[in-house]
Amino acid sequence: MRCPTLAELPSPPSDKAGWPWAEESPQLTDLMPHGQLWPRISIVTPSYNQAQFIEETIRSVLLQGYPDLEYVIMDGGSTDGSVEIIRKYETWLSYVHIGPDAGQSAAIGEGFSHATGEILAWLNSDDRYHAGTLRRVAQFLVRNSRVVFSNGDANVVDVVGRTIRRWYAMQPNRFLAANFGVQDWPQQACFWRSWAYKKAGGMDRSLQYCLDLDLFIRLMRVGRSGRIPGPPLADFRIHDRAKSSTIVHVHDEERAVLVERYGNPRMRSRERLLRLMRRWWRRPTILRSRLNRAHGWEW
């Protein structure tokens, strides 16, 4: 599906302005500059009782101006008005599920089972993409044909979308992620190839919190990974009903599970060495953040 234009979508609420309410990404031509078709991108949004934010999420995907988008929404049976908002945009959705599910990871996995894109990602129903994100992702992955998993920067924003800070993504590193049980990059700005997702085994539907890290560790085992340069690709919203605010204890439990599952047993007693390795690996990210703040440089 070609992304709709701003004029084709339902009118935004009268008190909304800017991206993605009254602004849109430029419509791209059918072919990339060198004559190749743009790769199909499939985005899945898991949804449950986020009516306050989900329309902004949906519009940030649909207004990308991208020539070949597939957008799937999996709603777990919201009762707060989310379903009515989703229905407003159903014309532009490739697949919609409304009803009970087995949790976020299961919903995302089921959503990807309906996806046919070459590039995959999920965007939670309280987050949003920046204008032009899908164009930048496609160009990066076409140029870097051997990269199967990619990440980028994101802004951390508050409940009304004001930027709190920029999250500078670290170059993906499977060894550090597996042995620390943490990722130094935002899930909202991660994209990967569909064939690698299938080879990695898809979503672990038993996880509640570390489902992204679990998948990313397995994707990095399949092939090369890389960071998408430039400005933030997405916004990660912090609010009192977000999972990051309500089930932090589950993160700690699942983190331990992933370290046991993927980490090197010989490293478990060498935390100091791991921290030194992580600090060394973060040096380019720290330099990048300092130059961006001081001079506005992006790379």
Protein backbone atom coordinates (compact mmCIF):
# COMPACT_ATOMS: atom_id res chain seq x y z
CA MET A 1 0.00 0.00 0.00
CA ARG A 2 1.17 3.52 -0.76
CA CYS A 3 0.96 5.74 2.31
CA PRO A 4 -2.03 8.08 2.28
CA THR A 5 -1.64 11.84 2.19
CA LEU A 6 -2.63 14.17 4.98
CA ALA A 7 -5.75 15.20 3.04
CA GLU A 8 -6.90 11.58 2.76
CA LEU A 9 -6.78 10.83 6.49
CA PRO A 10 -9.46 11.81 9.02
CA SER A 11 -9.13 15.38 10.26
CA PRO A 12 -7.14 15.64 13.50
CA PRO A 13 -8.63 17.06 16.71
CA SER A 14 -8.80 20.86 16.63
CA ASP A 15 -6.23 21.23 19.40
CA LYS A 16 -3.55 19.20 17.61
CA ALA A 17 -0.81 20.70 15.43
CA GLY A 18 2.55 19.76 13.95
CA TRP A 19 3.73 16.24 13.17
CA PRO A 20 1.85 13.94 12.65
CA TRP A 21 -1.38 15.92 12.94
CA ALA A 22 -1.00 18.75 10.44
CA GLU A 23 2.28 17.76 8.78
CA GLU A 24 3.28 14.84 6.55
CA SER A 25 6.42 13.35 5.01
CA PRO A 26 6.87 14.08 1.28
CA GLN A 27 5.41 11.37 -0.96
CA LEU A 28 8.21 9.26 -2.41
CA THR A 29 8.25 8.11 -6.02
CA ASP A 30 7.75 4.42 -6.78
CA LEU A 31 11.45 3.89 -7.42
CA MET A 32 14.51 4.69 -5.34
CA PRO A 33 17.00 7.18 -6.85
CA HIS A 34 19.03 4.40 -8.49
CA GLY A 35 15.93 2.81 -10.05
CA GLN A 36 15.21 -0.03 -7.60
CA LEU A 37 11.77 -0.53 -6.08
CA TRP A 38 11.49 0.53 -2.47
CA PRO A 39 11.46 -2.57 -0.23
CA ARG A 40 8.14 -3.32 1.43
CA ILE A 41 8.15 -2.40 5.13
CA SER A 42 5.75 -4.08 7.56
CA ILE A 43 5.01 -2.39 10.89
CA VAL A 44 3.07 -4.06 13.71
CA THR A 45 1.48 -2.06 16.53
CA PRO A 46 0.32 -3.98 19.62
CA SER A 47 -2.46 -2.06 21.33
CA TYR A 48 -4.28 -2.20 24.63
CA ASN A 49 -6.05 0.73 26.31
CA GLN A 50 -3.81 3.50 24.98
CA ALA A 51 -6.53 5.71 23.48
CA GLN A 52 -4.68 8.79 24.70
CA PHE A 53 -1.79 8.08 22.33
CA ILE A 54 -2.71 5.55 19.66
CA GLU A 55 -4.04 7.97 17.05
CA GLU A 56 -0.74 9.82 17.08
CA THR A 57 1.07 6.49 16.70
CA ILE A 58 -1.09 5.47 13.73
CA ARG A 59 -0.70 8.79 11.94
CA SER A 60 3.08 8.76 12.44
CA VAL A 61 3.19 5.47 10.50
CA LEU A 62 0.66 6.29 7.79
CA LEU A 63 2.05 9.76 6.99
CA GLN A 64 5.53 8.51 6.09
CA GLY A 65 4.89 9.08 2.37
CA TYR A 66 6.35 5.61 1.77
CA PRO A 67 5.42 3.76 -1.46
CA ASP A 68 5.09 0.22 -0.06
CA LEU A 69 3.86 0.08 3.54
CA GLU A 70 2.07 -2.76 5.30
CA TYR A 71 0.59 -1.76 8.66
CA VAL A 72 -0.84 -4.29 11.12
CA ILE A 73 -2.60 -3.40 14.40
CA MET A 74 -3.23 -6.02 17.06
CA ASP A 75 -5.59 -4.77 19.79
CA GLY A 76 -6.11 -6.97 22.82
CA GLY A 77 -9.70 -5.88 23.38
CA SER A 78 -9.35 -2.29 24.56
CA THR A 79 -12.27 -0.72 26.42
CA ASP A 80 -11.09 2.91 26.52
CA GLY A 81 -11.97 4.08 23.00
CA SER A 82 -8.85 2.72 21.27
CA VAL A 83 -10.94 0.42 19.06
CA GLU A 84 -13.02 3.32 17.74
CA ILE A 85 -9.83 5.20 16.85
CA ILE A 86 -8.38 2.16 15.08
CA ARG A 87 -11.59 1.71 13.08
CA LYS A 88 -11.26 5.30 11.80
CA TYR A 89 -8.04 4.30 10.04
CA GLU A 90 -8.98 0.74 9.06
CA THR A 91 -9.06 1.58 5.34
CA TRP A 92 -5.27 2.01 5.41
CA LEU A 93 -4.48 -1.03 7.56
CA SER A 94 -3.48 -4.33 6.00
CA TYR A 95 -4.67 -6.40 8.96
CA VAL A 96 -6.53 -5.62 12.21
CA HIS A 97 -7.22 -7.87 15.16
CA ILE A 98 -9.59 -6.78 17.93
CA GLY A 99 -10.05 -9.17 20.83
CA PRO A 100 -8.30 -11.03 23.62
CA ASP A 101 -4.74 -12.19 23.10
CA ALA A 102 -1.99 -13.90 25.09
CA GLY A 103 -0.04 -10.71 25.83
CA GLN A 104 2.16 -8.23 24.00
CA SER A 105 4.75 -10.68 22.70
CA ALA A 106 2.09 -13.06 21.39
CA ALA A 107 0.23 -10.18 19.74
CA ILE A 108 3.39 -8.95 18.00
CA GLY A 109 4.27 -12.47 16.88
CA GLU A 110 0.79 -13.00 15.49
CA GLY A 111 0.98 -9.62 13.76
CA PHE A 112 4.24 -10.55 12.04
CA SER A 113 2.63 -13.78 10.83
CA HIS A 114 0.40 -11.55 8.64
CA ALA A 115 3.31 -9.46 7.36
CA THR A 116 4.86 -9.86 3.93
CA GLY A 117 7.42 -7.05 4.01
CA GLU A 118 11.17 -7.39 3.48
CA ILE A 119 11.77 -5.13 6.50
CA LEU A 120 9.99 -5.53 9.83
CA ALA A 121 9.53 -3.52 13.03
CA TRP A 122 6.99 -2.94 15.74
CA LEU A 123 5.89 0.36 17.20
CA ASN A 124 4.03 0.39 20.50
CA SER A 125 0.75 2.26 20.71
CA ASP A 126 2.18 5.06 22.88
CA ASP A 127 5.26 5.75 20.71
CA ARG A 128 5.67 7.45 17.32
CA TYR A 129 7.95 7.64 14.31
CA HIS A 130 9.53 10.85 13.08
CA ALA A 131 8.81 12.18 9.62
CA GLY A 132 10.88 10.42 6.94
CA THR A 133 11.89 7.50 9.17
CA LEU A 134 10.89 4.72 6.78
CA ARG A 135 12.74 6.36 3.88
CA ARG A 136 15.94 6.52 5.93
CA VAL A 137 15.58 2.93 7.10
CA ALA A 138 15.01 1.58 3.60
CA GLN A 139 17.93 3.53 2.15
CA PHE A 140 20.25 2.29 4.89
CA LEU A 141 19.31 -1.37 4.52
CA VAL A 142 19.46 -1.25 0.71
CA ARG A 143 22.94 0.32 0.85
CA ASN A 144 24.07 -2.16 3.50
CA SER A 145 22.77 -5.40 2.04
CA ARG A 146 24.62 -7.62 4.52
CA VAL A 147 23.12 -5.94 7.60
CA VAL A 148 20.17 -7.91 8.98
CA PHE A 149 19.48 -5.90 12.17
CA SER A 150 19.69 -2.12 12.49
CA ASN A 151 19.08 0.45 15.18
CA GLY A 152 19.03 4.23 15.49
CA ASP A 153 18.55 7.06 17.95
CA ALA A 154 15.25 8.04 19.57
CA ASN A 155 13.97 10.86 21.72
CA VAL A 156 12.57 10.07 25.14
CA VAL A 157 9.41 12.18 25.49
CA ASP A 158 6.85 12.87 28.19
CA VAL A 159 3.10 12.33 28.18
CA VAL A 160 2.45 15.35 25.92
CA GLY A 161 5.35 14.65 23.59
CA ARG A 162 7.93 17.09 24.96
CA THR A 163 11.50 15.85 24.57
CA ILE A 164 13.14 14.87 27.84
CA ARG A 165 16.42 13.68 26.35
CA ARG A 166 17.88 12.04 23.28
CA TRP A 167 18.74 8.37 23.51
CA TYR A 168 21.97 7.94 21.53
CA ALA A 169 21.99 4.36 20.28
CA MET A 170 25.12 2.31 20.77
CA GLN A 171 26.37 0.26 17.84
CA PRO A 172 24.70 -3.15 18.37
CA ASN A 173 26.90 -5.67 20.15
CA ARG A 174 25.55 -9.16 20.73
CA PHE A 175 28.23 -10.20 23.24
CA LEU A 176 27.56 -7.27 25.57
CA ALA A 177 23.78 -7.51 25.21
CA ALA A 178 23.81 -11.24 25.99
CA ASN A 179 26.13 -10.98 28.98
CA PHE A 180 24.63 -7.83 30.51
CA GLY A 181 21.02 -8.61 29.73
CA VAL A 182 20.47 -5.00 28.62
CA GLN A 183 20.41 -3.14 25.33
CA ASP A 184 21.93 0.29 24.82
CA TRP A 185 19.52 1.31 22.09
CA PRO A 186 15.78 2.08 21.85
CA GLN A 187 13.43 -0.62 20.52
CA GLN A 188 11.30 2.03 18.77
CA ALA A 189 14.19 2.74 16.36
CA CYS A 190 15.04 -0.87 15.45
CA PHE A 191 14.37 -2.53 12.09
CA TRP A 192 15.35 -5.92 10.67
CA ARG A 193 14.98 -8.18 7.66
CA SER A 194 12.06 -10.58 7.58
CA TRP A 195 14.13 -13.58 6.49
CA ALA A 196 16.43 -13.04 9.49
CA TYR A 197 13.39 -12.81 11.80
CA LYS A 198 12.19 -16.21 10.56
CA LYS A 199 15.65 -17.74 10.83
CA ALA A 200 16.02 -16.40 14.37
CA GLY A 201 12.77 -18.12 15.40
CA GLY A 202 10.42 -15.14 15.77
CA MET A 203 9.06 -13.79 19.04
CA ASP A 204 9.41 -15.62 22.35
CA ARG A 205 5.77 -15.38 23.38
CA SER A 206 6.49 -16.25 27.01
CA LEU A 207 8.27 -12.95 27.73
CA GLN A 208 6.54 -9.82 29.03
CA TYR A 209 9.30 -7.22 29.24
CA CYS A 210 12.55 -8.32 27.59
CA LEU A 211 10.90 -9.61 24.42
CA ASP A 212 12.76 -7.03 22.34
CA LEU A 213 16.20 -7.80 23.76
CA ASP A 214 15.60 -11.53 23.37
CA LEU A 215 14.72 -11.10 19.69
CA PHE A 216 17.58 -8.70 19.01
CA ILE A 217 20.19 -11.04 20.52
CA ARG A 218 18.96 -13.83 18.24
CA LEU A 219 18.86 -11.54 15.19
CA MET A 220 22.45 -10.44 15.81
CA ARG A 221 23.44 -14.10 15.79
CA VAL A 222 21.96 -14.51 12.28
CA GLY A 223 24.06 -11.82 10.60
CA ARG A 224 25.62 -8.38 10.72
CA SER A 225 24.07 -5.46 12.57
CA GLY A 226 24.52 -1.73 12.14
CA ARG A 227 23.47 1.70 13.39
CA ILE A 228 21.42 3.98 11.16
CA PRO A 229 23.18 7.36 11.26
CA GLY A 230 21.55 10.75 11.65
CA PRO A 231 18.77 12.31 13.75
CA PRO A 232 16.35 10.29 15.91
CA LEU A 233 14.01 7.91 14.11
CA ALA A 234 11.31 7.69 16.76
CA ASP A 235 9.98 8.89 20.12
CA PHE A 236 9.84 6.66 23.18
CA ARG A 237 7.11 7.93 25.49
CA ILE A 238 7.41 7.76 29.27
CA HIS A 239 4.19 7.90 31.30
CA ASP A 240 2.78 6.36 34.45
CA ARG A 241 0.87 3.61 32.61
CA ALA A 242 3.77 2.49 30.44
CA LYS A 243 5.19 -0.97 30.95
CA SER A 244 8.54 0.60 31.86
CA SER A 245 6.78 2.24 34.81
CA THR A 246 4.52 -0.59 36.01
CA ILE A 247 6.33 -3.94 35.81
CA VAL A 248 10.00 -3.10 36.37
CA HIS A 249 10.42 -6.18 38.58
CA VAL A 250 9.58 -8.38 35.58
CA HIS A 251 12.46 -6.77 33.69
CA ASP A 252 14.92 -7.85 36.36
CA GLU A 253 13.61 -11.41 36.35
CA GLU A 254 13.64 -11.75 32.57
CA ARG A 255 17.04 -10.09 32.27
CA ALA A 256 18.47 -12.85 34.47
CA VAL A 257 16.78 -15.46 32.28
CA LEU A 258 18.34 -14.01 29.12
CA VAL A 259 21.83 -13.83 30.63
CA GLU A 260 21.48 -17.49 31.59
CA ARG A 261 20.16 -18.35 28.13
CA TYR A 262 22.59 -16.46 25.92
CA GLY A 263 25.52 -15.32 28.06
CA ASN A 264 28.92 -16.92 28.37
CA PRO A 265 29.09 -18.77 31.73
CA ARG A 266 32.74 -17.82 32.11
CA MET A 267 31.81 -14.11 32.11
CA ARG A 268 29.36 -14.26 35.01
CA SER A 269 32.10 -13.80 37.57
CA ARG A 270 33.84 -11.09 35.56
CA GLU A 271 31.45 -8.18 35.90
CA ARG A 272 34.27 -5.65 36.19
CA LEU A 273 35.75 -6.80 32.88
CA LEU A 274 32.33 -6.65 31.24
CA ARG A 275 31.82 -3.10 32.48
CA LEU A 276 35.20 -2.06 31.09
CA MET A 277 34.33 -3.62 27.73
CA ARG A 278 30.98 -1.87 27.68
CA ARG A 279 32.59 1.47 28.56
CA TRP A 280 35.09 1.05 25.70
CA TRP A 281 32.33 0.11 23.24
CA ARG A 282 30.31 3.18 24.26
CA ARG A 283 33.11 5.65 23.53
CA PRO A 284 31.94 6.49 19.98
CA THR A 285 28.39 7.05 21.28
CA ILE A 286 29.63 9.42 23.98
CA LEU A 287 31.73 11.35 21.45
CA ARG A 288 28.80 11.50 19.05
CA SER A 289 26.47 12.86 21.75
CA ARG A 290 28.96 15.53 22.82
CA LEU A 291 29.57 16.76 19.28
CA ASN A 292 25.85 16.79 18.57
CA ARG A 293 25.09 18.86 21.67
CA ALA A 294 27.98 21.24 21.11
CA HIS A 295 27.87 21.67 17.33
CA GLY A 296 24.72 19.94 16.05
CA TRP A 297 26.78 17.38 14.16
CA GLU A 298 24.95 14.23 13.05
CA TRP A 299 26.43 10.98 11.86
